[in-house]
């Protein structure tokens, strides 16, 4: 690959990852600024509303969809740069995993936590771009953070995919 093509591929990966990071940063900042009720009436509004969607739910659903879109863009960039930029490909896949997985769920406000946990499953298409050692480490840390018996179905699906990829890698070698 020539220098210009390498630079363009590098830029594509960086921009795709930054788009994903921006979705997460914007969501967390938006929720934090909106989560402080301005008075007793506003504080009770959600409680009295019953089953109607709250502003946090609306933002969370939009976040979930935005993560899917950003991951799709990153996955396309990773696939396009698969051979030429293998090391950068691994780097961005690992960074995406670190960004997307909820390592300390109890430290997150409840309104944010559920949508962050739901969005973890969007990591699945990026898993094949991790090195085997990184994937094994990620799986170990993920299980330590959230034991299988406490996982939601989408988290089990993510863990199952990690384990399948590791099993496939073991049979190839």
N, C-alpha and C. Protein backbone atom coordinates (compact mmCIF):
# COMPACT_ATOMS: atom_id res chain seq x y z
N UNK A 1 0.85 -1.17 0.00
CA UNK A 1 0.00 0.00 0.00
C UNK A 1 0.89 1.23 0.00
N UNK A 2 0.57 2.20 -0.83
CA UNK A 2 1.39 3.40 -0.88
C UNK A 2 1.10 4.28 0.34
N UNK A 3 1.96 5.26 0.54
CA UNK A 3 1.86 6.12 1.72
C UNK A 3 0.53 6.87 1.77
N UNK A 4 0.07 7.37 0.64
CA UNK A 4 -1.18 8.10 0.59
C UNK A 4 -2.36 7.19 0.95
N UNK A 5 -2.36 5.97 0.42
CA UNK A 5 -3.43 5.02 0.73
C UNK A 5 -3.40 4.62 2.20
N UNK A 6 -2.22 4.45 2.75
CA UNK A 6 -2.07 4.10 4.16
C UNK A 6 -2.63 5.23 5.03
N UNK A 7 -2.29 6.45 4.69
CA UNK A 7 -2.75 7.61 5.45
C UNK A 7 -4.27 7.73 5.37
N UNK A 8 -4.83 7.50 4.20
CA UNK A 8 -6.28 7.56 4.05
C UNK A 8 -6.97 6.47 4.86
N UNK A 9 -6.42 5.28 4.83
CA UNK A 9 -7.00 4.17 5.60
C UNK A 9 -6.91 4.46 7.10
N UNK A 10 -5.78 4.99 7.51
CA UNK A 10 -5.59 5.34 8.92
C UNK A 10 -6.61 6.41 9.34
N UNK A 11 -6.82 7.38 8.50
CA UNK A 11 -7.78 8.44 8.79
C UNK A 11 -9.20 7.89 8.85
N UNK A 12 -9.53 6.98 7.93
CA UNK A 12 -10.86 6.37 7.93
C UNK A 12 -11.13 5.63 9.24
N UNK A 13 -10.16 4.85 9.70
CA UNK A 13 -10.32 4.13 10.96
C UNK A 13 -10.48 5.10 12.13
N UNK A 14 -9.64 6.12 12.17
CA UNK A 14 -9.70 7.09 13.27
C UNK A 14 -11.04 7.82 13.28
N UNK A 15 -11.51 8.25 12.13
CA UNK A 15 -12.79 8.96 12.06
C UNK A 15 -13.95 8.05 12.44
N UNK A 16 -13.90 6.80 12.02
CA UNK A 16 -14.98 5.86 12.36
C UNK A 16 -15.02 5.60 13.86
N UNK A 17 -13.86 5.45 14.47
CA UNK A 17 -13.83 5.23 15.91
C UNK A 17 -14.28 6.49 16.66
N UNK A 18 -13.83 7.65 16.20
CA UNK A 18 -14.23 8.89 16.86
C UNK A 18 -15.74 9.12 16.77
N UNK A 19 -16.37 8.67 15.69
CA UNK A 19 -17.82 8.78 15.58
C UNK A 19 -18.50 7.94 16.66
N UNK A 20 -17.97 6.74 16.91
CA UNK A 20 -18.51 5.89 17.97
C UNK A 20 -18.28 6.53 19.33
N UNK A 21 -17.08 7.02 19.57
CA UNK A 21 -16.78 7.67 20.86
C UNK A 21 -17.70 8.87 21.09
N UNK A 22 -17.95 9.63 20.04
CA UNK A 22 -18.81 10.82 20.16
C UNK A 22 -20.23 10.42 20.57
N UNK A 23 -20.74 9.32 20.03
CA UNK A 23 -22.08 8.86 20.41
C UNK A 23 -22.12 8.60 21.92
N UNK A 24 -21.11 7.91 22.44
CA UNK A 24 -21.06 7.62 23.88
C UNK A 24 -20.87 8.88 24.70
N UNK A 25 -19.94 9.72 24.31
CA UNK A 25 -19.69 10.96 25.05
C UNK A 25 -20.92 11.86 25.08
N UNK A 26 -21.57 12.02 23.93
CA UNK A 26 -22.75 12.87 23.85
C UNK A 26 -23.89 12.32 24.70
N UNK A 27 -24.07 11.01 24.66
CA UNK A 27 -25.15 10.40 25.45
C UNK A 27 -24.92 10.61 26.94
N UNK A 28 -23.73 10.32 27.41
CA UNK A 28 -23.44 10.48 28.83
C UNK A 28 -23.56 11.93 29.27
N UNK A 29 -23.06 12.85 28.46
CA UNK A 29 -23.14 14.27 28.80
C UNK A 29 -24.60 14.74 28.79
N UNK A 30 -25.37 14.29 27.81
CA UNK A 30 -26.76 14.69 27.68
C UNK A 30 -27.58 14.18 28.86
N UNK A 31 -27.36 12.95 29.23
CA UNK A 31 -28.12 12.36 30.33
C UNK A 31 -27.74 13.03 31.65
N UNK A 32 -26.45 13.28 31.86
CA UNK A 32 -26.03 13.92 33.12
C UNK A 32 -26.64 15.31 33.26
N UNK A 33 -26.67 16.06 32.18
CA UNK A 33 -27.22 17.41 32.25
C UNK A 33 -28.73 17.38 32.42
N UNK A 34 -29.38 16.37 31.88
CA UNK A 34 -30.84 16.30 31.96
C UNK A 34 -31.32 15.57 33.21
N UNK A 35 -30.43 14.87 33.91
CA UNK A 35 -30.89 14.04 35.02
C UNK A 35 -31.11 14.80 36.32
N UNK A 36 -30.74 16.05 36.35
CA UNK A 36 -30.93 16.83 37.56
C UNK A 36 -32.29 17.53 37.51
N UNK A 37 -33.27 17.07 38.30
CA UNK A 37 -34.57 17.73 38.29
C UNK A 37 -34.46 19.16 38.81
N UNK A 38 -35.26 20.02 38.24
CA UNK A 38 -35.19 21.44 38.59
C UNK A 38 -36.12 21.79 39.75
N UNK A 39 -36.99 20.91 40.13
CA UNK A 39 -37.91 21.18 41.23
C UNK A 39 -38.67 19.93 41.59
N UNK A 40 -39.48 20.03 42.64
CA UNK A 40 -40.21 18.85 43.11
C UNK A 40 -41.19 18.36 42.05
N UNK A 41 -41.81 19.28 41.32
CA UNK A 41 -42.76 18.88 40.27
C UNK A 41 -42.09 18.07 39.19
N UNK A 42 -40.93 18.51 38.75
CA UNK A 42 -40.20 17.78 37.71
C UNK A 42 -39.68 16.45 38.24
N UNK A 43 -39.28 16.43 39.51
CA UNK A 43 -38.77 15.19 40.10
C UNK A 43 -39.87 14.14 40.19
N UNK A 44 -41.10 14.56 40.45
CA UNK A 44 -42.21 13.62 40.59
C UNK A 44 -42.87 13.27 39.26
N UNK A 45 -42.65 14.06 38.23
CA UNK A 45 -43.32 13.86 36.95
C UNK A 45 -43.10 12.45 36.40
N UNK A 46 -41.88 12.00 36.39
CA UNK A 46 -41.60 10.65 35.88
C UNK A 46 -42.26 9.57 36.71
N UNK A 47 -42.27 9.76 38.01
CA UNK A 47 -42.87 8.78 38.90
C UNK A 47 -44.37 8.71 38.70
N UNK A 48 -45.00 9.86 38.54
CA UNK A 48 -46.45 9.91 38.36
C UNK A 48 -46.88 9.51 36.96
N UNK A 49 -45.96 9.59 36.00
CA UNK A 49 -46.32 9.29 34.61
C UNK A 49 -46.64 7.82 34.39
N UNK A 50 -46.22 6.99 35.28
CA UNK A 50 -46.51 5.56 35.13
C UNK A 50 -45.67 4.93 34.05
N UNK A 51 -46.32 4.30 33.06
CA UNK A 51 -45.60 3.53 32.06
C UNK A 51 -45.21 4.34 30.83
N UNK A 52 -45.52 5.63 30.79
CA UNK A 52 -45.13 6.44 29.64
C UNK A 52 -43.61 6.55 29.56
N UNK A 53 -43.14 6.70 28.34
CA UNK A 53 -41.70 6.85 28.14
C UNK A 53 -41.22 8.15 28.75
N UNK A 54 -40.11 8.06 29.44
CA UNK A 54 -39.50 9.26 30.00
C UNK A 54 -38.53 9.83 28.98
N UNK A 55 -38.04 11.02 29.27
CA UNK A 55 -37.06 11.64 28.40
C UNK A 55 -35.78 10.78 28.35
N UNK A 56 -35.43 10.16 29.47
CA UNK A 56 -34.25 9.29 29.50
C UNK A 56 -34.45 8.08 28.60
N UNK A 57 -35.68 7.53 28.56
CA UNK A 57 -35.96 6.39 27.69
C UNK A 57 -35.84 6.79 26.22
N UNK A 58 -36.37 7.94 25.88
CA UNK A 58 -36.30 8.41 24.50
C UNK A 58 -34.85 8.61 24.08
N UNK A 59 -34.08 9.22 24.95
CA UNK A 59 -32.65 9.42 24.65
C UNK A 59 -31.92 8.09 24.58
N UNK A 60 -32.27 7.18 25.47
CA UNK A 60 -31.62 5.88 25.48
C UNK A 60 -31.88 5.08 24.21
N UNK A 61 -33.11 5.13 23.72
CA UNK A 61 -33.42 4.41 22.49
C UNK A 61 -32.70 5.03 21.29
N UNK A 62 -32.61 6.35 21.28
CA UNK A 62 -31.87 7.02 20.21
C UNK A 62 -30.39 6.65 20.29
N UNK A 63 -29.86 6.61 21.50
CA UNK A 63 -28.46 6.22 21.71
C UNK A 63 -28.20 4.81 21.18
N UNK A 64 -29.09 3.88 21.50
CA UNK A 64 -28.96 2.50 21.07
C UNK A 64 -28.86 2.42 19.54
N UNK A 65 -29.73 3.15 18.87
CA UNK A 65 -29.71 3.16 17.40
C UNK A 65 -28.46 3.84 16.86
N UNK A 66 -28.02 4.90 17.50
CA UNK A 66 -26.81 5.61 17.06
C UNK A 66 -25.57 4.73 17.23
N UNK A 67 -25.53 3.94 18.30
CA UNK A 67 -24.41 3.02 18.50
C UNK A 67 -24.38 1.99 17.37
N UNK A 68 -25.54 1.46 17.03
CA UNK A 68 -25.61 0.47 15.94
C UNK A 68 -25.07 1.06 14.65
N UNK A 69 -25.44 2.28 14.35
CA UNK A 69 -24.99 2.94 13.13
C UNK A 69 -23.48 3.21 13.16
N UNK A 70 -22.98 3.69 14.29
CA UNK A 70 -21.54 3.98 14.41
C UNK A 70 -20.71 2.70 14.34
N UNK A 71 -21.19 1.62 14.96
CA UNK A 71 -20.48 0.34 14.91
C UNK A 71 -20.47 -0.19 13.48
N UNK A 72 -21.56 -0.04 12.78
CA UNK A 72 -21.61 -0.47 11.38
C UNK A 72 -20.56 0.27 10.56
N UNK A 73 -20.45 1.56 10.77
CA UNK A 73 -19.43 2.34 10.06
C UNK A 73 -18.02 1.91 10.42
N UNK A 74 -17.79 1.65 11.70
CA UNK A 74 -16.46 1.21 12.13
C UNK A 74 -16.15 -0.17 11.58
N UNK A 75 -17.14 -1.05 11.58
CA UNK A 75 -16.92 -2.41 11.06
C UNK A 75 -16.57 -2.37 9.57
N UNK A 76 -17.24 -1.51 8.83
CA UNK A 76 -16.93 -1.36 7.40
C UNK A 76 -15.51 -0.84 7.21
N UNK A 77 -15.11 0.11 8.04
CA UNK A 77 -13.75 0.65 7.95
C UNK A 77 -12.73 -0.42 8.31
N UNK A 78 -13.01 -1.21 9.35
CA UNK A 78 -12.10 -2.29 9.74
C UNK A 78 -11.97 -3.32 8.63
N UNK A 79 -13.08 -3.66 8.00
CA UNK A 79 -13.06 -4.63 6.91
C UNK A 79 -12.28 -4.09 5.72
N UNK A 80 -12.46 -2.82 5.42
CA UNK A 80 -11.77 -2.21 4.28
C UNK A 80 -10.26 -2.15 4.50
N UNK A 81 -9.86 -2.06 5.75
CA UNK A 81 -8.43 -1.92 6.08
C UNK A 81 -7.85 -3.21 6.66
N UNK A 82 -8.55 -4.32 6.45
CA UNK A 82 -8.19 -5.57 7.11
C UNK A 82 -6.74 -6.00 6.90
N UNK A 83 -6.28 -5.98 5.68
CA UNK A 83 -4.93 -6.46 5.39
C UNK A 83 -3.88 -5.37 5.56
N UNK A 84 -4.21 -4.17 5.09
CA UNK A 84 -3.22 -3.11 5.04
C UNK A 84 -2.82 -2.59 6.42
N UNK A 85 -3.79 -2.50 7.31
CA UNK A 85 -3.54 -1.89 8.61
C UNK A 85 -3.92 -2.84 9.75
N UNK A 86 -3.38 -4.03 9.71
CA UNK A 86 -3.77 -5.03 10.71
C UNK A 86 -3.56 -4.54 12.13
N UNK A 87 -2.42 -3.93 12.42
CA UNK A 87 -2.17 -3.48 13.79
C UNK A 87 -3.14 -2.39 14.22
N UNK A 88 -3.42 -1.44 13.34
CA UNK A 88 -4.38 -0.39 13.67
C UNK A 88 -5.78 -0.96 13.79
N UNK A 89 -6.08 -1.94 12.95
CA UNK A 89 -7.38 -2.58 13.01
C UNK A 89 -7.59 -3.19 14.39
N UNK A 90 -6.56 -3.92 14.88
CA UNK A 90 -6.66 -4.51 16.21
C UNK A 90 -6.80 -3.43 17.27
N UNK A 91 -6.05 -2.34 17.13
CA UNK A 91 -6.08 -1.25 18.09
C UNK A 91 -7.49 -0.66 18.20
N UNK A 92 -8.10 -0.34 17.07
CA UNK A 92 -9.41 0.29 17.11
C UNK A 92 -10.51 -0.67 17.57
N UNK A 93 -10.39 -1.93 17.24
CA UNK A 93 -11.36 -2.91 17.73
C UNK A 93 -11.26 -3.03 19.26
N UNK A 94 -10.05 -3.03 19.77
CA UNK A 94 -9.85 -3.11 21.22
C UNK A 94 -10.37 -1.84 21.90
N UNK A 95 -10.08 -0.69 21.34
CA UNK A 95 -10.57 0.58 21.90
C UNK A 95 -12.10 0.61 21.90
N UNK A 96 -12.70 0.11 20.85
CA UNK A 96 -14.17 0.07 20.79
C UNK A 96 -14.73 -0.83 21.89
N UNK A 97 -14.09 -1.97 22.11
CA UNK A 97 -14.54 -2.88 23.16
C UNK A 97 -14.43 -2.21 24.54
N UNK A 98 -13.33 -1.54 24.78
CA UNK A 98 -13.15 -0.86 26.06
C UNK A 98 -14.19 0.24 26.25
N UNK A 99 -14.52 0.92 25.19
CA UNK A 99 -15.52 1.99 25.25
C UNK A 99 -16.92 1.43 25.47
N UNK A 100 -17.25 0.37 24.77
CA UNK A 100 -18.63 -0.11 24.73
C UNK A 100 -19.04 -1.00 25.90
N UNK A 101 -18.10 -1.70 26.51
CA UNK A 101 -18.46 -2.60 27.59
C UNK A 101 -18.56 -1.83 28.91
N UNK A 102 -19.56 -2.19 29.69
CA UNK A 102 -19.80 -1.53 30.97
C UNK A 102 -19.03 -2.30 32.04
N UNK A 103 -17.87 -1.77 32.39
CA UNK A 103 -17.00 -2.48 33.33
C UNK A 103 -17.44 -2.32 34.77
N UNK A 104 -18.07 -1.22 35.10
CA UNK A 104 -18.50 -0.96 36.48
C UNK A 104 -19.96 -0.50 36.47
N UNK A 105 -20.90 -1.44 36.26
CA UNK A 105 -22.30 -1.03 36.10
C UNK A 105 -22.87 -0.31 37.32
N UNK A 106 -22.40 -0.65 38.51
CA UNK A 106 -22.95 -0.02 39.71
C UNK A 106 -22.55 1.44 39.84
N UNK A 107 -21.54 1.86 39.09
CA UNK A 107 -21.10 3.25 39.13
C UNK A 107 -21.90 4.13 38.17
N UNK A 108 -22.75 3.53 37.36
CA UNK A 108 -23.54 4.28 36.38
C UNK A 108 -24.92 4.60 36.95
N UNK A 109 -25.44 5.79 36.67
CA UNK A 109 -26.82 6.07 37.05
C UNK A 109 -27.75 5.07 36.35
N UNK A 110 -28.80 4.70 37.03
CA UNK A 110 -29.70 3.66 36.53
C UNK A 110 -30.25 3.99 35.14
N UNK A 111 -30.62 5.25 34.91
CA UNK A 111 -31.19 5.64 33.62
C UNK A 111 -30.21 5.40 32.48
N UNK A 112 -28.94 5.56 32.76
CA UNK A 112 -27.90 5.39 31.74
C UNK A 112 -27.52 3.91 31.60
N UNK A 113 -27.41 3.24 32.74
CA UNK A 113 -26.88 1.88 32.77
C UNK A 113 -27.62 0.92 31.85
N UNK A 114 -28.94 0.94 31.85
CA UNK A 114 -29.69 -0.04 31.07
C UNK A 114 -29.42 0.08 29.58
N UNK A 115 -29.31 1.30 29.11
CA UNK A 115 -29.06 1.49 27.67
C UNK A 115 -27.61 1.20 27.31
N UNK A 116 -26.70 1.48 28.22
CA UNK A 116 -25.30 1.12 27.98
C UNK A 116 -25.15 -0.40 27.91
N UNK A 117 -25.82 -1.09 28.83
CA UNK A 117 -25.78 -2.56 28.82
C UNK A 117 -26.42 -3.12 27.55
N UNK A 118 -27.53 -2.55 27.14
CA UNK A 118 -28.19 -3.02 25.92
C UNK A 118 -27.29 -2.82 24.70
N UNK A 119 -26.57 -1.71 24.65
CA UNK A 119 -25.73 -1.40 23.50
C UNK A 119 -24.48 -2.28 23.42
N UNK A 120 -24.16 -2.98 24.51
CA UNK A 120 -22.98 -3.86 24.47
C UNK A 120 -23.07 -4.88 23.34
N UNK A 121 -24.27 -5.34 23.05
CA UNK A 121 -24.42 -6.38 22.02
C UNK A 121 -24.01 -5.88 20.64
N UNK A 122 -23.97 -4.59 20.44
CA UNK A 122 -23.53 -4.05 19.15
C UNK A 122 -22.04 -4.30 18.91
N UNK A 123 -21.32 -4.72 19.93
CA UNK A 123 -19.90 -5.02 19.79
C UNK A 123 -19.66 -6.30 18.99
N UNK A 124 -20.63 -7.16 18.89
CA UNK A 124 -20.46 -8.47 18.26
C UNK A 124 -19.78 -8.42 16.89
N UNK A 125 -20.17 -7.53 15.96
CA UNK A 125 -19.50 -7.53 14.65
C UNK A 125 -18.04 -7.10 14.70
N UNK A 126 -17.62 -6.48 15.79
CA UNK A 126 -16.22 -6.03 15.90
C UNK A 126 -15.31 -7.09 16.53
N UNK A 127 -15.89 -8.09 17.17
CA UNK A 127 -15.09 -9.11 17.85
C UNK A 127 -14.09 -9.83 16.95
N UNK A 128 -14.44 -10.17 15.71
CA UNK A 128 -13.47 -10.87 14.86
C UNK A 128 -12.21 -10.05 14.55
N UNK A 129 -12.26 -8.76 14.79
CA UNK A 129 -11.10 -7.90 14.50
C UNK A 129 -10.14 -7.79 15.67
N UNK A 130 -10.44 -8.49 16.77
CA UNK A 130 -9.54 -8.53 17.91
C UNK A 130 -8.55 -9.67 17.75
N UNK A 131 -7.35 -9.48 18.28
CA UNK A 131 -6.39 -10.58 18.35
C UNK A 131 -6.93 -11.62 19.32
N UNK A 132 -6.55 -12.87 19.11
CA UNK A 132 -7.03 -13.96 19.95
C UNK A 132 -6.72 -13.69 21.43
N UNK A 133 -5.51 -13.22 21.71
CA UNK A 133 -5.11 -12.96 23.09
C UNK A 133 -5.96 -11.84 23.70
N UNK A 134 -6.23 -10.82 22.91
CA UNK A 134 -7.05 -9.71 23.40
C UNK A 134 -8.49 -10.16 23.64
N UNK A 135 -8.99 -11.00 22.75
CA UNK A 135 -10.34 -11.52 22.90
C UNK A 135 -10.44 -12.39 24.16
N UNK A 136 -9.44 -13.23 24.40
CA UNK A 136 -9.44 -14.07 25.59
C UNK A 136 -9.39 -13.22 26.86
N UNK A 137 -8.57 -12.18 26.84
CA UNK A 137 -8.47 -11.27 27.99
C UNK A 137 -9.79 -10.54 28.20
N UNK A 138 -10.39 -10.08 27.11
CA UNK A 138 -11.67 -9.38 27.18
C UNK A 138 -12.74 -10.28 27.79
N UNK A 139 -12.79 -11.53 27.34
CA UNK A 139 -13.76 -12.49 27.87
C UNK A 139 -13.57 -12.69 29.37
N UNK A 140 -12.33 -12.86 29.79
CA UNK A 140 -12.03 -13.08 31.21
C UNK A 140 -12.46 -11.88 32.04
N UNK A 141 -12.13 -10.70 31.59
CA UNK A 141 -12.49 -9.48 32.32
C UNK A 141 -14.00 -9.25 32.31
N UNK A 142 -14.64 -9.58 31.21
CA UNK A 142 -16.08 -9.41 31.09
C UNK A 142 -16.80 -10.32 32.09
N UNK A 143 -16.35 -11.56 32.19
CA UNK A 143 -16.94 -12.49 33.15
C UNK A 143 -16.68 -12.07 34.59
N UNK A 144 -15.52 -11.49 34.83
CA UNK A 144 -15.20 -11.01 36.18
C UNK A 144 -16.09 -9.82 36.55
N UNK A 145 -16.40 -8.98 35.58
CA UNK A 145 -17.23 -7.80 35.84
C UNK A 145 -18.71 -8.18 35.99
N UNK A 146 -19.14 -9.16 35.21
CA UNK A 146 -20.54 -9.58 35.24
C UNK A 146 -20.60 -11.10 35.12
N UNK A 147 -20.79 -11.79 36.23
CA UNK A 147 -20.89 -13.26 36.15
C UNK A 147 -22.04 -13.68 35.24
N UNK A 148 -21.86 -14.80 34.56
CA UNK A 148 -22.85 -15.28 33.58
C UNK A 148 -24.26 -15.35 34.17
N UNK A 149 -24.39 -15.78 35.39
CA UNK A 149 -25.71 -15.94 36.00
C UNK A 149 -26.43 -14.60 36.19
N UNK A 150 -25.69 -13.49 36.16
CA UNK A 150 -26.29 -12.17 36.33
C UNK A 150 -26.44 -11.41 35.01
N UNK A 151 -26.08 -12.06 33.91
CA UNK A 151 -26.11 -11.39 32.61
C UNK A 151 -27.52 -11.35 32.03
N UNK A 152 -27.76 -10.28 31.29
CA UNK A 152 -28.98 -10.18 30.49
C UNK A 152 -28.78 -11.01 29.23
N UNK A 153 -29.87 -11.35 28.53
CA UNK A 153 -29.73 -12.17 27.32
C UNK A 153 -28.76 -11.60 26.27
N UNK A 154 -28.77 -10.30 26.07
CA UNK A 154 -27.85 -9.73 25.07
C UNK A 154 -26.40 -9.86 25.52
N UNK A 155 -26.16 -9.81 26.83
CA UNK A 155 -24.81 -9.99 27.33
C UNK A 155 -24.35 -11.45 27.16
N UNK A 156 -25.27 -12.38 27.38
CA UNK A 156 -24.93 -13.79 27.16
C UNK A 156 -24.64 -14.04 25.69
N UNK A 157 -25.39 -13.39 24.83
CA UNK A 157 -25.16 -13.53 23.38
C UNK A 157 -23.76 -13.02 23.02
N UNK A 158 -23.37 -11.89 23.59
CA UNK A 158 -22.03 -11.34 23.36
C UNK A 158 -20.96 -12.29 23.88
N UNK A 159 -21.15 -12.79 25.08
CA UNK A 159 -20.19 -13.73 25.66
C UNK A 159 -20.12 -15.01 24.83
N UNK A 160 -21.25 -15.52 24.40
CA UNK A 160 -21.27 -16.73 23.57
C UNK A 160 -20.49 -16.51 22.27
N UNK A 161 -20.62 -15.33 21.69
CA UNK A 161 -19.88 -15.03 20.46
C UNK A 161 -18.38 -14.97 20.73
N UNK A 162 -18.00 -14.38 21.86
CA UNK A 162 -16.58 -14.37 22.23
C UNK A 162 -16.05 -15.80 22.34
N UNK A 163 -16.81 -16.63 23.03
CA UNK A 163 -16.38 -18.01 23.24
C UNK A 163 -16.34 -18.79 21.93
N UNK A 164 -17.28 -18.55 21.04
CA UNK A 164 -17.28 -19.21 19.74
C UNK A 164 -16.05 -18.83 18.93
N UNK A 165 -15.74 -17.54 18.90
CA UNK A 165 -14.56 -17.09 18.17
C UNK A 165 -13.27 -17.68 18.76
N UNK A 166 -13.21 -17.77 20.07
CA UNK A 166 -12.03 -18.37 20.70
C UNK A 166 -11.94 -19.87 20.39
N UNK A 167 -13.08 -20.55 20.39
CA UNK A 167 -13.09 -21.98 20.05
C UNK A 167 -12.68 -22.19 18.60
N UNK A 168 -13.19 -21.33 17.70
CA UNK A 168 -12.81 -21.41 16.28
C UNK A 168 -11.33 -21.17 16.10
N UNK A 169 -10.79 -20.20 16.83
CA UNK A 169 -9.36 -19.90 16.73
C UNK A 169 -8.52 -21.06 17.23
N UNK A 170 -9.00 -21.76 18.24
CA UNK A 170 -8.27 -22.90 18.79
C UNK A 170 -8.25 -24.07 17.81
N UNK A 171 -9.31 -24.24 17.04
CA UNK A 171 -9.36 -25.36 16.10
C UNK A 171 -8.57 -25.08 14.82
N UNK A 172 -8.37 -23.80 14.52
CA UNK A 172 -7.61 -23.44 13.32
C UNK A 172 -6.14 -23.72 13.51
N UNK A 173 -5.62 -23.50 14.69
CA UNK A 173 -4.18 -23.66 14.94
C UNK A 173 -3.79 -25.04 15.28
